[in-house]
Protein backbone atom coordinates (compact mmCIF):
# COMPACT_ATOMS: atom_id res chain seq x y z
CA MET A 1 -233.04 -23.66 -105.01
CA GLU A 2 -233.11 -27.16 -105.61
CA LYS A 3 -234.25 -28.68 -109.44
CA LEU A 4 -236.52 -31.00 -110.05
CA LEU A 5 -236.94 -32.86 -113.24
CA ILE A 6 -240.46 -34.05 -113.86
CA ILE A 7 -241.14 -36.27 -117.27
CA ASP A 8 -244.62 -37.53 -117.92
CA ASP A 9 -246.49 -37.77 -120.88
CA ASP A 10 -249.80 -36.53 -119.39
CA GLU A 11 -249.24 -32.75 -119.55
CA SER A 12 -251.94 -32.19 -117.30
CA ILE A 13 -250.18 -34.03 -114.70
CA ARG A 14 -247.09 -32.11 -115.30
CA GLU A 15 -248.41 -28.77 -114.70
CA SER A 16 -249.96 -30.10 -111.53
CA LEU A 17 -247.09 -31.27 -110.19
CA LYS A 18 -245.18 -28.03 -111.16
CA LEU A 19 -247.82 -25.60 -109.79
CA VAL A 20 -247.46 -27.63 -106.54
CA LEU A 21 -243.99 -28.40 -106.00
CA SER A 22 -243.04 -24.73 -107.61
CA GLN A 23 -245.09 -23.29 -104.67
CA ALA A 24 -243.04 -25.46 -102.08
CA GLY A 25 -240.17 -23.53 -103.20
CA TYR A 26 -238.56 -25.83 -106.01
CA LYS A 27 -237.27 -24.91 -109.28
CA ILE A 28 -239.23 -27.38 -112.18
CA PHE A 29 -238.24 -28.60 -115.48
CA ASP A 30 -240.83 -30.73 -117.09
CA VAL A 31 -240.73 -33.02 -120.45
CA PRO A 32 -242.81 -35.82 -121.64
CA ASP A 33 -240.43 -38.23 -122.59
CA ALA A 34 -237.07 -40.33 -121.65
CA GLU A 35 -235.43 -38.74 -124.71
CA GLN A 36 -235.64 -35.08 -124.06
CA ALA A 37 -235.06 -35.73 -120.34
CA LEU A 38 -231.74 -37.34 -121.27
CA GLU A 39 -231.15 -34.28 -123.29
CA ILE A 40 -232.06 -31.81 -120.45
CA LEU A 41 -230.53 -33.78 -117.40
CA GLU A 42 -226.59 -32.32 -118.46
CA LYS A 43 -227.79 -29.25 -119.01
CA VAL A 44 -229.42 -28.41 -115.61
CA HIS A 45 -228.11 -31.02 -113.36
CA PRO A 46 -231.62 -31.90 -111.55
CA ASP A 47 -231.26 -32.46 -107.53
CA LEU A 48 -233.81 -34.94 -107.84
CA ILE A 49 -235.96 -36.99 -110.94
CA ILE A 50 -239.63 -37.86 -110.92
CA SER A 51 -240.81 -39.92 -113.84
CA ASP A 52 -243.99 -41.88 -115.00
CA ILE A 53 -243.28 -45.47 -115.56
CA LYS A 54 -245.14 -45.70 -118.83
CA LEU A 55 -243.30 -43.44 -121.51
CA PRO A 56 -243.59 -43.17 -124.77
CA GLY A 57 -240.76 -45.03 -126.54
CA MET A 58 -237.99 -45.76 -123.67
CA SER A 59 -239.72 -46.69 -120.45
CA GLY A 60 -239.61 -45.22 -117.24
CA ILE A 61 -237.11 -48.37 -115.82
CA GLU A 62 -235.02 -47.86 -118.90
CA LEU A 63 -234.26 -44.18 -118.23
CA LEU A 64 -233.59 -45.16 -114.48
CA ASN A 65 -230.78 -47.35 -115.59
CA LYS A 66 -229.30 -44.64 -117.88
CA VAL A 67 -229.72 -41.88 -115.06
CA LYS A 68 -227.68 -44.55 -112.34
CA ILE A 69 -224.87 -44.84 -115.17
CA LEU A 70 -224.37 -41.08 -115.36
CA ASP A 71 -225.10 -40.33 -111.65
CA GLY A 72 -225.45 -43.07 -109.18
CA ASN A 73 -226.19 -40.47 -106.46
CA LEU A 74 -229.52 -38.70 -108.15
CA PRO A 75 -232.36 -39.50 -106.38
CA PHE A 76 -235.12 -40.72 -108.70
CA ILE A 77 -238.82 -41.31 -108.03
CA VAL A 78 -240.96 -43.60 -109.92
CA ILE A 79 -244.71 -42.43 -110.01
CA THR A 80 -247.45 -45.04 -112.02
CA ALA A 81 -250.94 -45.42 -112.90
CA TYR A 82 -250.58 -49.34 -112.63
CA GLU A 83 -250.45 -51.55 -109.89
CA ASP A 84 -247.50 -53.78 -110.78
CA THR A 85 -245.44 -55.40 -108.31
CA SER A 86 -242.78 -57.16 -110.60
CA SER A 87 -242.04 -53.46 -111.92
CA THR A 88 -242.32 -51.97 -108.16
CA ILE A 89 -239.41 -54.86 -107.79
CA GLU A 90 -237.46 -53.80 -110.54
CA ALA A 91 -237.78 -50.37 -109.94
CA ILE A 92 -236.27 -50.50 -106.35
CA GLN A 93 -233.83 -53.00 -107.47
CA GLN A 94 -232.20 -50.89 -110.25
CA GLY A 95 -231.73 -47.84 -107.56
CA ALA A 96 -235.21 -45.94 -107.73
CA TYR A 97 -235.63 -44.02 -104.27
CA ASP A 98 -239.32 -44.58 -103.86
CA TYR A 99 -242.46 -46.08 -106.41
CA ILE A 100 -245.53 -43.77 -105.52
CA GLU A 101 -248.78 -44.59 -107.34
CA LYS A 102 -251.38 -42.24 -108.95
CA PRO A 103 -253.19 -40.61 -108.30
CA LEU A 104 -251.08 -39.08 -106.10
CA GLU A 105 -250.91 -37.91 -102.37
CA ILE A 106 -248.92 -34.80 -102.95
CA GLU A 107 -248.24 -34.04 -98.92
CA ARG A 108 -246.83 -37.90 -99.13
CA LEU A 109 -244.76 -37.06 -102.43
CA LYS A 110 -243.22 -33.59 -100.80
CA ILE A 111 -242.03 -35.70 -97.68
CA VAL A 112 -240.38 -38.45 -100.16
CA ILE A 113 -238.92 -35.72 -102.52
CA LYS A 114 -237.43 -33.43 -99.41
CA ARG A 115 -235.83 -36.95 -97.67
CA ALA A 116 -234.46 -37.89 -100.68
CA ILE A 117 -232.34 -34.44 -101.58
CA GLU A 118 -231.17 -34.53 -97.82
CA GLY A 119 -230.22 -37.80 -98.22
CA LYS A 120 -228.43 -37.35 -101.28
CA ARG A 121 -226.94 -34.44 -99.82
CA ILE A 122 -225.41 -36.45 -96.44
CA SER A 123 -224.46 -39.28 -99.23
CA GLU A 124 -222.37 -36.92 -101.34
CA HIS A 125 -220.35 -35.65 -97.74
CA LEU A 126 -219.98 -38.87 -96.74
CA SER A 127 -218.64 -40.21 -100.19
CA VAL A 128 -216.48 -37.06 -99.97
CA THR A 129 -215.16 -38.18 -96.74
CA ILE A 130 -214.47 -41.75 -97.72
CA SER A 131 -212.79 -41.11 -101.20
CA LYS A 132 -210.14 -39.32 -99.49
CA ASP A 133 -209.08 -42.24 -97.27
CA SER A 134 -210.09 -44.81 -100.09
CA ASP A 135 -207.63 -42.90 -102.49
CA GLU A 136 -204.68 -42.57 -100.14
CA TYR A 137 -205.22 -46.43 -99.15
CA LYS A 138 -205.65 -48.04 -102.60
CA LEU A 139 -203.00 -50.04 -103.40
CA GLU A 140 -201.31 -48.26 -105.91
CA ASN A 141 -201.24 -45.12 -103.70
CA SER A 142 -200.00 -47.29 -100.35
CA LEU A 143 -198.02 -50.26 -100.51
CA ILE A 144 -195.62 -49.89 -102.91
CA GLY A 145 -192.94 -53.25 -104.13
CA LYS A 146 -192.74 -55.06 -106.91
CA THR A 147 -190.65 -57.95 -105.32
CA HIS A 148 -192.07 -61.86 -104.56
CA LEU A 149 -192.48 -60.58 -100.73
CA MET A 150 -194.38 -57.75 -101.67
CA LYS A 151 -196.87 -59.48 -104.46
CA GLU A 152 -197.50 -62.05 -101.74
CA VAL A 153 -198.76 -59.84 -99.17
CA LEU A 154 -200.53 -58.13 -101.85
CA LYS A 155 -202.16 -61.46 -102.93
CA LYS A 156 -203.61 -62.04 -99.29
CA ILE A 157 -204.51 -58.48 -98.86
CA GLY A 158 -206.87 -59.71 -102.02
CA ARG A 159 -208.13 -62.66 -100.54
CA VAL A 160 -209.18 -61.27 -97.22
CA SER A 161 -210.36 -57.91 -97.86
CA THR A 162 -213.77 -60.02 -99.43
CA ASN A 163 -214.72 -61.17 -96.03
CA ARG A 164 -214.85 -60.45 -92.05
CA VAL A 165 -212.32 -63.30 -90.98
CA SER A 166 -210.04 -62.21 -88.12
CA VAL A 167 -206.66 -61.58 -89.52
CA LEU A 168 -203.38 -61.33 -87.21
CA ILE A 169 -200.48 -59.35 -89.15
CA GLN A 170 -196.81 -59.94 -87.79
CA GLY A 171 -193.63 -57.92 -88.41
CA GLU A 172 -190.97 -55.79 -87.05
CA SER A 173 -191.40 -52.41 -86.04
CA GLY A 174 -192.01 -50.04 -88.47
CA THR A 175 -192.80 -52.35 -91.68
CA GLY A 176 -196.47 -51.10 -92.42
CA LYS A 177 -198.73 -53.39 -90.28
CA GLU A 178 -201.37 -50.54 -89.90
CA LEU A 179 -201.15 -49.60 -93.53
CA ILE A 180 -201.76 -53.07 -94.30
CA THR A 181 -204.78 -52.81 -92.08
CA LYS A 182 -205.80 -49.71 -93.71
CA VAL A 183 -205.64 -51.20 -97.18
CA ILE A 184 -207.77 -54.32 -96.29
CA HIS A 185 -210.59 -52.25 -94.88
CA TYR A 186 -210.46 -49.71 -97.60
CA SER A 187 -209.98 -51.82 -100.91
CA GLY A 188 -212.99 -54.38 -99.85
CA ILE A 189 -216.18 -54.80 -97.93
CA THR A 190 -216.01 -52.67 -95.30
CA LYS A 191 -214.30 -49.52 -97.20
CA THR A 192 -217.53 -47.72 -96.76
CA GLU A 193 -217.64 -48.56 -92.94
CA PRO A 194 -215.77 -46.78 -89.77
CA PHE A 195 -211.72 -47.76 -89.12
CA ILE A 196 -210.90 -47.45 -85.79
CA ALA A 197 -207.30 -48.18 -84.59
CA VAL A 198 -206.43 -48.93 -80.83
CA ASN A 199 -202.41 -49.14 -79.68
CA CYS A 200 -202.65 -51.68 -76.94
CA THR A 201 -199.83 -50.79 -75.30
CA SER A 202 -200.72 -46.63 -74.64
CA LEU A 203 -203.08 -47.05 -71.66
CA SER A 204 -203.54 -49.13 -68.39
CA GLU A 205 -205.91 -52.25 -68.28
CA THR A 206 -208.49 -50.37 -66.90
CA LEU A 207 -208.30 -47.63 -69.51
CA LEU A 208 -208.17 -50.41 -72.12
CA GLU A 209 -211.03 -52.06 -71.50
CA SER A 210 -212.97 -49.15 -70.89
CA GLU A 211 -211.93 -47.83 -74.74
CA LEU A 212 -212.42 -51.14 -76.19
CA PHE A 213 -215.81 -51.79 -74.86
CA GLY A 214 -217.35 -48.72 -73.39
CA HIS A 215 -218.56 -48.00 -69.77
CA VAL A 216 -221.62 -46.74 -67.95
CA LYS A 217 -222.24 -43.90 -65.75
CA GLY A 218 -220.59 -44.31 -62.11
CA SER A 219 -218.89 -47.96 -63.44
CA PHE A 220 -215.45 -46.46 -62.06
CA THR A 221 -213.88 -42.85 -60.76
CA GLY A 222 -214.36 -40.73 -63.72
CA ALA A 223 -216.84 -42.34 -65.36
CA ILE A 224 -218.81 -39.36 -65.63
CA LYS A 225 -221.31 -40.12 -68.29
CA ASP A 226 -221.97 -43.09 -70.61
CA LYS A 227 -219.28 -43.63 -73.29
CA LYS A 228 -219.19 -45.66 -76.33
CA GLY A 229 -216.27 -48.06 -77.02
CA LYS A 230 -214.32 -48.78 -79.89
CA PHE A 231 -216.11 -51.97 -80.74
CA GLU A 232 -219.19 -50.24 -80.92
CA LEU A 233 -217.89 -47.33 -82.69
CA ALA A 234 -216.58 -49.24 -85.46
CA GLY A 235 -219.78 -50.87 -86.30
CA GLU A 236 -219.56 -52.99 -89.44
CA GLY A 237 -216.05 -51.72 -90.47
CA THR A 238 -212.80 -52.72 -89.24
CA ILE A 239 -211.12 -52.50 -85.50
CA PHE A 240 -207.31 -52.50 -85.55
CA LEU A 241 -205.67 -53.63 -82.25
CA ASP A 242 -202.03 -53.00 -82.48
CA GLU A 243 -199.13 -54.73 -80.36
CA ILE A 244 -202.00 -57.19 -79.43
CA SER A 245 -199.27 -59.19 -77.38
CA GLU A 246 -199.16 -57.02 -74.59
CA ILE A 247 -202.64 -56.90 -73.30
CA SER A 248 -203.29 -58.51 -70.01
CA PRO A 249 -204.42 -61.95 -69.27
CA ASN A 250 -208.16 -60.36 -67.81
CA LEU A 251 -208.63 -58.65 -71.30
CA GLN A 252 -207.28 -61.74 -73.44
CA VAL A 253 -210.40 -63.61 -71.82
CA LYS A 254 -212.98 -60.51 -72.32
CA LEU A 255 -211.63 -60.72 -75.96
CA LEU A 256 -211.99 -63.97 -76.56
CA ARG A 257 -215.43 -64.29 -75.68
CA VAL A 258 -216.12 -60.93 -78.17
CA LEU A 259 -214.73 -63.46 -80.84
CA GLN A 260 -216.48 -66.49 -79.64
CA GLU A 261 -219.85 -64.96 -78.82
CA LYS A 262 -219.80 -61.64 -81.13
CA GLU A 263 -221.05 -59.68 -78.84
CA PHE A 264 -220.01 -57.65 -75.45
CA GLU A 265 -221.19 -55.69 -72.19
CA LYS A 266 -219.95 -52.11 -71.38
CA VAL A 267 -217.70 -51.71 -68.52
CA GLY A 268 -220.33 -51.79 -65.59
CA GLY A 269 -223.43 -52.40 -67.96
CA GLU A 270 -225.76 -55.19 -68.04
CA VAL A 271 -226.87 -54.79 -71.94
CA THR A 272 -225.41 -56.85 -74.40
CA LEU A 273 -224.33 -55.42 -77.64
CA PRO A 274 -223.60 -56.92 -80.96
CA MET A 275 -220.06 -56.70 -82.42
CA ARG A 276 -220.10 -57.18 -86.10
CA ALA A 277 -216.82 -55.28 -87.06
CA ARG A 278 -214.07 -57.40 -88.38
CA ILE A 279 -211.14 -57.22 -86.13
CA VAL A 280 -207.35 -57.26 -87.34
CA THR A 281 -204.66 -57.33 -84.96
CA ALA A 282 -200.98 -56.78 -85.08
CA THR A 283 -197.62 -57.57 -83.36
CA ASN A 284 -193.86 -57.55 -83.61
CA ARG A 285 -193.70 -60.16 -81.15
CA ASN A 286 -193.52 -63.68 -82.12
CA LEU A 287 -197.04 -64.78 -80.55
CA HIS A 288 -196.71 -68.31 -80.82
CA LYS A 289 -193.65 -68.15 -78.84
CA TYR A 290 -195.85 -66.14 -76.23
CA VAL A 291 -198.20 -69.04 -76.31
CA ASP A 292 -195.95 -71.51 -75.30
CA GLU A 293 -194.38 -69.29 -72.54
CA GLY A 294 -197.94 -69.08 -71.14
CA ARG A 295 -198.12 -65.60 -71.57
CA PHE A 296 -200.76 -65.56 -74.15
CA ARG A 297 -204.20 -67.84 -74.99
CA GLU A 298 -203.73 -70.52 -77.15
CA ASP A 299 -207.40 -70.37 -77.88
CA LEU A 300 -207.44 -66.58 -78.60
CA TYR A 301 -204.22 -66.98 -80.93
CA TYR A 302 -205.90 -69.46 -82.89
CA ARG A 303 -209.05 -67.32 -82.83
CA LEU A 304 -207.14 -64.03 -83.72
CA LYS A 305 -204.87 -66.04 -86.63
CA VAL A 306 -207.71 -67.43 -88.84
CA PHE A 307 -205.99 -65.54 -91.71
CA THR A 308 -202.21 -64.11 -91.05
CA ILE A 309 -200.07 -62.11 -92.84
CA GLU A 310 -196.46 -61.15 -92.64
CA ALA A 311 -195.12 -58.08 -93.14
CA PRO A 312 -191.59 -58.37 -94.09
CA PRO A 313 -188.28 -56.34 -92.91
CA LEU A 314 -187.22 -53.91 -95.46
CA ARG A 315 -183.72 -55.42 -95.62
CA GLU A 316 -185.41 -58.39 -96.86
CA HIS A 317 -186.94 -56.26 -99.89
CA ARG A 318 -184.32 -54.06 -100.69
CA GLU A 319 -184.43 -53.78 -104.61
CA ASP A 320 -188.17 -51.69 -103.49
CA ILE A 321 -185.89 -49.09 -101.98
CA PRO A 322 -186.06 -47.03 -105.19
CA ASN A 323 -189.83 -47.15 -106.02
CA LEU A 324 -190.38 -46.23 -102.03
CA VAL A 325 -188.14 -43.42 -102.15
CA ILE A 326 -189.81 -41.84 -105.08
CA HIS A 327 -193.32 -42.43 -103.43
CA LEU A 328 -192.31 -41.07 -100.28
CA LEU A 329 -190.49 -38.03 -101.49
CA LYS A 330 -194.20 -37.38 -103.41
CA LYS A 331 -195.74 -37.32 -100.11
CA ILE A 332 -193.17 -35.67 -97.83
CA ASN A 333 -193.22 -32.92 -100.95
CA LYS A 334 -196.62 -32.56 -100.66
CA GLU A 335 -196.76 -32.05 -96.73
CA LEU A 336 -193.82 -29.72 -96.73
CA HIS A 337 -194.79 -27.76 -99.87
CA LYS A 338 -191.12 -28.43 -101.34
CA ASP A 339 -189.96 -29.94 -104.42
CA VAL A 340 -187.46 -32.29 -103.89
CA ARG A 341 -187.47 -34.92 -106.84
CA LYS A 342 -184.34 -35.57 -108.37
CA VAL A 343 -182.08 -38.73 -106.25
CA PRO A 344 -178.38 -39.05 -107.61
CA ILE A 345 -177.32 -43.06 -108.16
CA GLU A 346 -174.81 -42.54 -105.10
CA VAL A 347 -177.51 -41.31 -102.70
CA MET A 348 -179.95 -44.20 -104.12
CA GLU A 349 -176.89 -46.68 -103.51
CA MET A 350 -176.36 -45.21 -100.12
CA LEU A 351 -180.51 -45.90 -99.21
CA GLN A 352 -180.28 -49.01 -100.61
CA ASN A 353 -177.45 -50.39 -98.83
CA TYR A 354 -178.51 -49.10 -95.36
CA GLU A 355 -179.21 -51.91 -92.73
CA TRP A 356 -182.53 -50.04 -91.78
CA ILE A 357 -183.53 -51.34 -88.45
CA GLY A 358 -186.38 -49.19 -88.50
CA ASN A 359 -187.75 -50.06 -91.75
CA VAL A 360 -189.91 -48.13 -93.58
CA ARG A 361 -190.97 -45.94 -90.70
CA GLU A 362 -187.04 -44.93 -90.41
CA LEU A 363 -186.60 -44.42 -94.36
CA GLU A 364 -189.51 -42.22 -94.19
CA ASN A 365 -188.42 -40.18 -91.39
CA THR A 366 -184.77 -40.35 -92.58
CA LEU A 367 -186.12 -38.50 -95.96
CA LEU A 368 -188.30 -36.28 -94.18
CA GLN A 369 -185.19 -34.83 -92.09
CA ALA A 370 -183.68 -34.61 -95.45
CA VAL A 371 -185.84 -32.99 -97.38
CA VAL A 372 -186.16 -30.12 -94.52
CA LEU A 373 -182.54 -29.76 -95.01
CA THR A 374 -182.70 -29.90 -98.64
CA GLU A 375 -182.25 -26.51 -100.87
CA GLY A 376 -183.16 -26.90 -104.28
CA ASP A 377 -184.51 -30.08 -105.95
CA VAL A 378 -181.74 -32.65 -105.32
CA LEU A 379 -181.51 -34.71 -102.30
CA LYS A 380 -177.81 -34.70 -101.63
CA ALA A 381 -175.97 -37.26 -99.38
CA GLU A 382 -174.75 -35.09 -96.96
CA ASN A 383 -178.39 -34.24 -95.98
CA ILE A 384 -178.84 -38.11 -95.31
CA LEU A 385 -178.12 -38.62 -91.70
CA LEU A 386 -177.86 -41.80 -91.07
CA ARG A 387 -177.42 -43.76 -87.45
CA LYS A 388 -173.80 -45.50 -87.70
CA THR A 389 -175.18 -49.28 -85.97
CA GLU A 390 -173.30 -52.22 -84.98
CA PRO A 391 -174.23 -55.39 -84.96
CA LYS A 392 -175.86 -56.09 -81.52
CA LYS A 393 -174.41 -59.05 -81.22
CA ASN A 394 -170.81 -57.50 -80.64
CA LYS A 395 -172.41 -54.22 -79.17
CA PHE A 396 -173.10 -56.05 -75.80
CA LYS A 397 -170.68 -58.79 -76.10
CA PRO A 398 -170.36 -60.30 -72.71
CA LYS A 399 -167.34 -59.71 -70.76
CA GLU A 400 -165.11 -61.55 -68.12
CA ASN A 401 -166.06 -60.37 -64.26
CA LEU A 402 -168.69 -57.70 -65.49
CA PRO A 403 -169.89 -55.75 -62.67
CA LEU A 404 -173.61 -56.09 -62.18
CA ASP A 405 -174.30 -52.54 -62.74
CA GLU A 406 -172.65 -52.65 -65.94
CA ILE A 407 -174.59 -55.50 -66.86
CA VAL A 408 -178.13 -53.65 -65.73
CA LYS A 409 -176.63 -50.45 -67.72
CA ASN A 410 -176.05 -52.79 -70.74
CA HIS A 411 -179.59 -54.64 -70.74
CA ILE A 412 -181.50 -51.36 -70.46
CA GLU A 413 -179.61 -49.57 -73.07
CA LEU A 414 -180.02 -52.74 -75.59
CA VAL A 415 -184.06 -52.67 -74.60
CA LEU A 416 -183.76 -48.98 -75.34
CA ASP A 417 -182.43 -48.92 -78.72
CA HIS A 418 -184.37 -52.30 -79.92
CA VAL A 419 -187.85 -49.97 -78.98
CA SER A 420 -186.66 -46.93 -80.57
CA TRP A 421 -186.63 -45.41 -76.78
CA ASN A 422 -190.46 -45.86 -76.65
CA LYS A 423 -190.75 -45.99 -72.96
CA THR A 424 -193.72 -47.26 -72.66
CA LYS A 425 -192.70 -50.64 -74.79
CA ALA A 426 -189.62 -50.78 -72.86
CA CYS A 427 -191.38 -50.44 -69.55
CA ASN A 428 -193.38 -53.52 -71.05
CA ILE A 429 -190.71 -55.59 -71.93
CA LEU A 430 -188.38 -54.52 -68.63
CA LYS A 431 -191.43 -55.35 -66.33
CA ILE A 432 -190.91 -51.70 -64.96
CA SER A 433 -192.93 -48.89 -64.13
CA LYS A 434 -192.03 -45.61 -66.12
CA PRO A 435 -191.03 -43.44 -63.17
CA THR A 436 -188.36 -46.42 -62.08
CA LEU A 437 -187.16 -46.68 -65.93
CA ASP A 438 -186.53 -42.80 -65.77
CA LYS A 439 -184.66 -43.27 -62.56
CA LYS A 440 -182.43 -45.75 -64.09
CA ILE A 441 -181.90 -43.48 -67.47
CA LYS A 442 -180.80 -40.90 -65.21
CA GLU A 443 -178.52 -42.99 -62.73
CA LEU A 444 -176.71 -45.06 -65.67
CA ASN A 445 -176.15 -41.71 -67.46
CA LEU A 446 -178.31 -43.42 -70.59
CA LYS A 447 -178.90 -41.16 -73.52
CA ILE A 448 -180.85 -41.73 -77.00
CA PRO A 449 -177.78 -42.11 -79.72
CA GLU A 450 -177.05 -38.92 -81.97
CA ILE A 451 -177.81 -39.31 -85.43
CA LYS A 452 -174.78 -39.06 -87.52
């Protein structure tokens, strides 16, 4: 049963409201002034407050301000016998749910109360949902680093999170480009709006276009019903386009139009929809070089890079590794219900001296594997399984009179190693289909390197 607190110095009004609202199924508490209201507030925790604006001592507006400080989500309905435009505006500005004049229309009041309480429930649910993400992606809980390079990243996040300009994040695989995007989203003006991520290499051109813009029923084979696209679902939040360098020329044209006109149409549709989301893109390629080579539109490139952030490779800020290890172990312990919390000096030195070609992602995966293997609370060196890597410039050094099939094998193996055996990415680089790649891997007897 929802609890209502009524505040009015007119006892007859309090009794009348108490009678009709009790019959409507609410539990009623009533007091004649604001001071008593504040005393009872923390005892009964009402679901809604109804208060006269003219009260002895503290006014209804002053009470409203104090209530909002105590509980910003508590609906507060102001009632008054005076037609006062300025107090109406002030009450709404200060957070009143509604402003109702006396004599009260009881049926209207019941409707307002019902809507206010329903809104409170929805708001509380959303608050819990959002806060989980918000807490996870607060700066102190996510981006770890005290070096100059990481501080520059944090400064840029601070600058860009307060507006909706397009952001381009560049960096090697595993450097945390999506994490940076989420921190931008959850630490700024978009934190209460949706966050939508799309990997541009995971779908064919047709499916990616449908995924981004949506489609109408019958627009292509398999389109059995209308579908909302990511731009529509993102609303006024953030849409993150990862691996932007890999989109086709056709999609580049369509994305350019979205950025220029702030609107789009669904695949097969004729209705123009507004695009209100902030666009953040990311790539591990040199996008400027792609422009020079004619593989990426120059006009789109400059639209995307209104603001740029460079995600530094881990080898360039090794001093942050100890703090990263501590942060990642806390996260992994929580996920695996383990308690590995002691790291010997020699183990930490080993982690700091490793090259981390896969950057923070490789560090996290290495620690995850080590925690699984660890018994007790000490991270032991024998459980840190690092790859034995050779410099790539030496690994495939050209040899005199090298056969063609050996050159092909070396090149495919180099590409696969570079993308950590992500076959979709390898196909995009080699410009071959996945069946062709699988056939070559089998013919050339290529194998994923063992972790030693």
